[in-house]
């Protein structure tokens, strides 16, 4: 088994491989659909695919390697050892994906290269979809008006985005850069991926579509201004996106920290269900 960069002739086979696992790896699936130049596939002796991962700029790994549960586990491990032996790990920043896969790569890096994460975050990966197919509107705030964020509204929502990143994204020893935060927000708004909730003229909550797959989107950046929390605003925002995406035949996935009980309660009340553990490992640069 070998690891090779995805070429044009591999595209459709890679997509077909990922479709059954799409909800586990929407970010990776989106990168494959966009034919990003940093997609790698685990190929067997007959050209069959046993796993897919991205390694963007040598910094961030997103993975889908379900075959670690099967008889090819040892061959996959050897392929990763050979792959990393030929590349620099100096810029590795994080590994993200279904927990078993993250732990699998972590152990390879630790045992063979003395490379260990300094911080990890355990998440629950959740999916929307009630058994009765009805959206739960109980206790949502109908004063809230939701709309896509316009470019001229960036300045007004930037404080929310910066607070969100400091609360939910910042990790020990790494400060959030206001300039980088603003630039990322600008890119998302330009792509039409940011939605804001207003009461009157006040922007009080937001959410972002961070990746788009074939049948799923990944929702992120859900944030409500502190003084407006616990008033059904986030629920109204999430339900709005649920209904919008349902019309586009897409479902929503999101990940939330396993110890964030209020957020887990919110998403559960909206009809989301946890379906796997999702782990992000951070490495020193």
Protein backbone atom coordinates (compact mmCIF):
# COMPACT_ATOMS: atom_id res chain seq x y z
CA UNK A 1 0.00 0.00 0.00
CA UNK A 2 1.24 3.50 -0.87
CA UNK A 3 0.16 7.08 -0.32
CA UNK A 4 -0.02 9.19 -3.48
CA UNK A 5 -1.32 12.63 -4.34
CA UNK A 6 -4.77 12.60 -5.91
CA UNK A 7 -4.51 13.08 -9.67
CA UNK A 8 -7.26 13.93 -12.14
CA UNK A 9 -7.80 10.25 -13.01
CA UNK A 10 -8.36 9.49 -9.31
CA UNK A 11 -11.06 12.12 -8.77
CA UNK A 12 -14.27 10.15 -9.35
CA UNK A 13 -12.98 7.08 -7.55
CA UNK A 14 -12.03 9.25 -4.57
CA UNK A 15 -15.45 10.88 -4.49
CA UNK A 16 -17.15 7.47 -4.67
CA UNK A 17 -14.99 6.22 -1.80
CA UNK A 18 -15.87 9.20 0.42
CA UNK A 19 -19.63 9.37 -0.21
CA UNK A 20 -20.55 6.75 2.46
CA UNK A 21 -18.38 8.65 4.98
CA UNK A 22 -19.23 12.20 3.93
CA UNK A 23 -20.86 13.27 7.18
CA UNK A 24 -17.70 12.26 9.07
CA UNK A 25 -15.45 14.49 6.95
CA UNK A 26 -17.34 17.33 5.22
CA UNK A 27 -14.29 19.61 5.22
CA UNK A 28 -12.17 16.97 3.50
CA UNK A 29 -14.98 16.09 1.08
CA UNK A 30 -15.32 19.77 0.14
CA UNK A 31 -11.59 19.98 -0.58
CA UNK A 32 -11.79 16.90 -2.80
CA UNK A 33 -14.77 18.29 -4.73
CA UNK A 34 -12.78 21.48 -5.30
CA UNK A 35 -9.80 19.38 -6.47
CA UNK A 36 -7.44 20.98 -3.95
CA UNK A 37 -3.78 20.32 -4.63
CA UNK A 38 -3.10 18.79 -1.22
CA UNK A 39 -5.29 15.66 -1.31
CA UNK A 40 -3.64 12.28 -0.74
CA UNK A 41 -5.06 8.79 -1.11
CA UNK A 42 -4.06 5.42 0.34
CA UNK A 43 -3.86 3.05 -2.62
CA UNK A 44 -3.75 -0.72 -2.46
CA UNK A 45 -1.93 -3.07 -4.81
CA UNK A 46 -4.82 -3.08 -7.27
CA UNK A 47 -5.46 0.66 -7.21
CA UNK A 48 -8.27 0.41 -4.65
CA UNK A 49 -8.62 3.23 -2.09
CA UNK A 50 -8.30 2.56 1.64
CA UNK A 51 -8.34 6.13 2.93
CA UNK A 52 -8.13 9.80 2.00
CA UNK A 53 -6.59 12.79 3.76
CA UNK A 54 -5.58 16.36 3.05
CA UNK A 55 -2.39 18.02 4.24
CA UNK A 56 -2.72 21.71 3.52
CA UNK A 57 0.60 23.53 3.41
CA UNK A 58 2.18 20.85 5.59
CA UNK A 59 0.14 22.32 8.47
CA UNK A 60 -3.35 20.85 8.76
CA UNK A 61 -4.40 17.23 8.24
CA UNK A 62 -8.07 16.33 7.70
CA UNK A 63 -8.61 12.61 7.34
CA UNK A 64 -10.97 9.78 6.49
CA UNK A 65 -9.28 6.41 7.05
CA UNK A 66 -12.04 3.93 7.96
CA UNK A 67 -9.90 0.92 7.03
CA UNK A 68 -7.86 1.25 10.24
CA UNK A 69 -10.63 -0.89 11.72
CA UNK A 70 -9.91 -3.75 9.29
CA UNK A 71 -7.23 -6.21 8.29
CA UNK A 72 -5.21 -3.56 6.41
CA UNK A 73 -4.35 -1.57 9.54
CA UNK A 74 -0.68 -2.57 9.59
CA UNK A 75 -0.21 -1.85 5.86
CA UNK A 76 -1.80 1.59 6.34
CA UNK A 77 0.55 2.32 9.24
CA UNK A 78 3.61 1.42 7.16
CA UNK A 79 2.37 3.61 4.30
CA UNK A 80 2.04 6.59 6.67
CA UNK A 81 5.51 6.00 8.13
CA UNK A 82 6.99 6.00 4.63
CA UNK A 83 4.99 9.06 3.67
CA UNK A 84 6.04 11.16 6.67
CA UNK A 85 9.67 9.97 6.40
CA UNK A 86 9.92 11.78 3.08
CA UNK A 87 8.42 15.04 4.32
CA UNK A 88 9.06 17.71 6.91
CA UNK A 89 6.90 17.78 10.02
CA UNK A 90 8.29 21.15 11.11
CA UNK A 91 5.13 23.02 10.16
CA UNK A 92 2.53 20.51 11.36
CA UNK A 93 -0.10 22.43 13.34
CA UNK A 94 -3.16 20.24 13.70
CA UNK A 95 -4.83 16.93 12.88
CA UNK A 96 -8.63 16.87 12.72
CA UNK A 97 -11.19 14.17 12.17
CA UNK A 98 -12.99 11.17 13.61
CA UNK A 99 -11.24 10.35 16.88
CA UNK A 100 -9.97 6.87 16.05
CA UNK A 101 -8.29 8.21 12.91
CA UNK A 102 -6.73 11.16 14.74
CA UNK A 103 -5.40 8.81 17.43
CA UNK A 104 -4.06 6.46 14.75
CA UNK A 105 -2.02 9.21 13.07
CA UNK A 106 -0.96 10.62 16.45
CA UNK A 107 0.49 7.26 17.51
CA UNK A 108 2.40 6.92 14.22
CA UNK A 109 3.97 10.35 14.66
CA UNK A 110 4.80 9.73 18.32
CA UNK A 111 6.31 6.27 17.90
CA UNK A 112 8.26 6.90 14.71
CA UNK A 113 9.11 10.60 14.77
CA UNK A 114 8.96 11.64 18.43
CA UNK A 115 6.24 14.13 17.53
CA UNK A 116 3.45 14.58 20.10
CA UNK A 117 0.58 17.08 20.36
CA UNK A 118 0.70 19.70 23.09
CA UNK A 119 -3.07 20.14 23.21
CA UNK A 120 -6.19 18.29 22.13
CA UNK A 121 -9.90 19.03 21.96
CA UNK A 122 -12.54 16.32 22.16
CA UNK A 123 -15.72 17.09 20.25
CA UNK A 124 -19.03 15.49 19.46
CA UNK A 125 -19.84 15.41 15.75
CA UNK A 126 -23.55 16.03 15.35
CA UNK A 127 -26.07 15.75 12.51
CA UNK A 128 -29.50 17.30 12.11
CA UNK A 129 -32.44 15.06 11.45
CA UNK A 130 -35.42 14.31 13.68
CA UNK A 131 -37.17 10.98 13.38
CA UNK A 132 -40.46 12.76 12.65
CA UNK A 133 -38.76 15.13 10.16
CA UNK A 134 -40.27 18.14 11.93
CA UNK A 135 -38.15 21.09 13.00
CA UNK A 136 -38.53 21.96 16.67
CA UNK A 137 -39.53 25.63 16.88
CA UNK A 138 -40.31 25.52 20.62
CA UNK A 139 -38.84 28.53 22.45
CA UNK A 140 -37.15 30.03 19.41
CA UNK A 141 -37.19 33.84 19.32
CA UNK A 142 -39.41 35.12 16.54
CA UNK A 143 -38.16 38.68 16.94
CA UNK A 144 -34.94 37.63 15.24
CA UNK A 145 -34.56 38.29 11.51
CA UNK A 146 -31.93 36.18 9.75
CA UNK A 147 -30.21 37.08 6.49
CA UNK A 148 -26.91 36.54 4.67
CA UNK A 149 -24.27 38.99 5.84
CA UNK A 150 -23.46 41.75 3.34
CA UNK A 151 -19.96 43.09 2.74
CA UNK A 152 -20.94 46.46 4.22
CA UNK A 153 -21.93 44.69 7.47
CA UNK A 154 -18.53 43.15 8.15
CA UNK A 155 -17.41 45.87 10.55
CA UNK A 156 -20.54 45.47 12.65
CA UNK A 157 -20.17 41.70 13.08
CA UNK A 158 -16.39 41.57 13.40
CA UNK A 159 -16.50 41.94 17.23
CA UNK A 160 -18.73 38.84 17.36
CA UNK A 161 -16.33 36.87 15.17
CA UNK A 162 -13.32 37.95 17.24
CA UNK A 163 -15.08 37.04 20.50
CA UNK A 164 -16.10 33.69 19.01
CA UNK A 165 -12.54 32.84 18.02
CA UNK A 166 -11.22 33.82 21.44
CA UNK A 167 -13.87 31.73 23.20
CA UNK A 168 -13.99 28.68 20.96
CA UNK A 169 -10.94 28.59 18.68
CA UNK A 170 -8.00 30.01 20.66
CA UNK A 171 -5.66 27.40 22.16
CA UNK A 172 -3.02 27.78 24.88
CA UNK A 173 0.01 29.74 23.73
CA UNK A 174 -1.59 31.01 20.52
CA UNK A 175 -3.20 34.43 20.33
CA UNK A 176 -5.91 35.26 17.84
CA UNK A 177 -4.69 37.84 15.33
CA UNK A 178 -7.35 40.52 14.75
CA UNK A 179 -6.06 41.07 11.20
CA UNK A 180 -6.16 37.35 10.33
CA UNK A 181 -9.59 37.05 11.95
CA UNK A 182 -10.93 39.96 9.89
CA UNK A 183 -9.42 38.60 6.65
CA UNK A 184 -10.99 35.16 7.21
CA UNK A 185 -14.36 36.74 7.99
CA UNK A 186 -14.11 38.86 4.86
CA UNK A 187 -13.48 35.75 2.73
CA UNK A 188 -16.47 33.93 4.20
CA UNK A 189 -18.78 36.92 3.76
CA UNK A 190 -17.62 37.38 0.18
CA UNK A 191 -18.47 33.72 -0.47
CA UNK A 192 -21.97 34.25 0.96
CA UNK A 193 -21.28 31.80 3.77
CA UNK A 194 -22.07 33.97 6.82
CA UNK A 195 -25.56 34.46 8.23
CA UNK A 196 -26.48 37.03 10.85
CA UNK A 197 -29.43 37.45 13.17
CA UNK A 198 -30.74 40.92 13.96
CA UNK A 199 -33.17 42.39 16.43
CA UNK A 200 -33.99 45.77 15.01
CA UNK A 201 -30.69 47.13 13.74
CA UNK A 202 -28.58 45.20 16.23
CA UNK A 203 -26.57 42.17 15.07
CA UNK A 204 -26.89 39.73 17.96
CA UNK A 205 -25.86 36.32 16.58
CA UNK A 206 -24.11 34.71 13.63
CA UNK A 207 -23.20 31.41 12.00
CA UNK A 208 -21.02 30.34 9.07
CA UNK A 209 -21.12 27.57 6.50
CA UNK A 210 -17.49 26.45 6.72
CA UNK A 211 -17.57 23.66 4.12
CA UNK A 212 -19.99 22.37 1.48
CA UNK A 213 -20.05 18.74 0.41
CA UNK A 214 -22.40 16.78 -1.81
CA UNK A 215 -25.18 16.03 0.65
CA UNK A 216 -23.92 17.83 3.76
CA UNK A 217 -22.59 21.16 4.89
CA UNK A 218 -20.40 21.84 7.92
CA UNK A 219 -21.76 24.58 10.16
CA UNK A 220 -19.41 26.61 12.35
CA UNK A 221 -18.91 29.94 14.03
CA UNK A 222 -22.27 29.86 15.81
CA UNK A 223 -22.14 32.70 18.31
CA UNK A 224 -24.54 34.89 20.26
CA UNK A 225 -23.59 38.15 21.97
CA UNK A 226 -23.26 37.48 25.70
CA UNK A 227 -26.15 39.61 26.96
CA UNK A 228 -28.58 38.13 24.41
CA UNK A 229 -27.92 34.47 25.28
CA UNK A 230 -30.61 32.06 26.55
CA UNK A 231 -33.36 33.89 24.68
CA UNK A 232 -33.90 31.44 21.81
CA UNK A 233 -31.85 33.42 19.28
CA UNK A 234 -29.35 30.72 18.33
CA UNK A 235 -32.20 28.25 17.99
CA UNK A 236 -34.02 30.56 15.57
CA UNK A 237 -30.81 31.04 13.56
CA UNK A 238 -30.07 27.31 13.38
CA UNK A 239 -33.65 26.44 12.42
CA UNK A 240 -33.55 29.06 9.67
CA UNK A 241 -30.43 27.42 8.20
CA UNK A 242 -31.94 23.95 8.64
CA UNK A 243 -35.00 24.93 6.58
CA UNK A 244 -32.90 26.70 3.95
CA UNK A 245 -30.53 23.77 3.47
CA UNK A 246 -33.37 21.25 3.51
CA UNK A 247 -34.68 22.97 0.38
CA UNK A 248 -31.24 22.42 -1.18
CA UNK A 249 -31.32 18.71 -0.22
CA UNK A 250 -28.43 19.14 2.21
CA UNK A 251 -28.11 18.16 5.83
CA UNK A 252 -26.04 19.89 8.50
CA UNK A 253 -23.12 18.55 10.50
CA UNK A 254 -21.25 20.42 13.20
CA UNK A 255 -18.83 19.62 15.96
CA UNK A 256 -19.05 20.94 19.48
CA UNK A 257 -16.70 20.51 22.44
CA UNK A 258 -17.68 17.47 24.47
CA UNK A 259 -17.66 19.48 27.70
CA UNK A 260 -19.74 22.38 26.33
CA UNK A 261 -22.98 21.29 27.96
CA UNK A 262 -25.04 24.42 27.05
CA UNK A 263 -24.13 24.04 23.35
CA UNK A 264 -24.85 20.30 23.37
CA UNK A 265 -28.23 21.01 24.95
CA UNK A 266 -28.97 23.71 22.36
CA UNK A 267 -28.21 21.50 19.38
CA UNK A 268 -30.07 18.55 20.89
CA UNK A 269 -33.13 20.76 21.40
CA UNK A 270 -32.90 21.71 17.72
CA UNK A 271 -32.98 18.04 16.69
CA UNK A 272 -29.26 17.34 16.28
CA UNK A 273 -27.89 13.94 17.25
CA UNK A 274 -24.31 13.01 18.09
CA UNK A 275 -22.96 10.22 15.88
CA UNK A 276 -19.23 10.07 16.58
CA UNK A 277 -16.34 11.48 18.58
CA UNK A 278 -14.27 14.05 16.69
CA UNK A 279 -10.78 15.00 17.85
CA UNK A 280 -8.50 17.91 16.99
CA UNK A 281 -4.83 17.57 17.95
CA UNK A 282 -2.55 20.61 18.04
CA UNK A 283 1.21 20.55 17.54
CA UNK A 284 3.81 23.19 18.29
CA UNK A 285 5.19 24.95 15.22
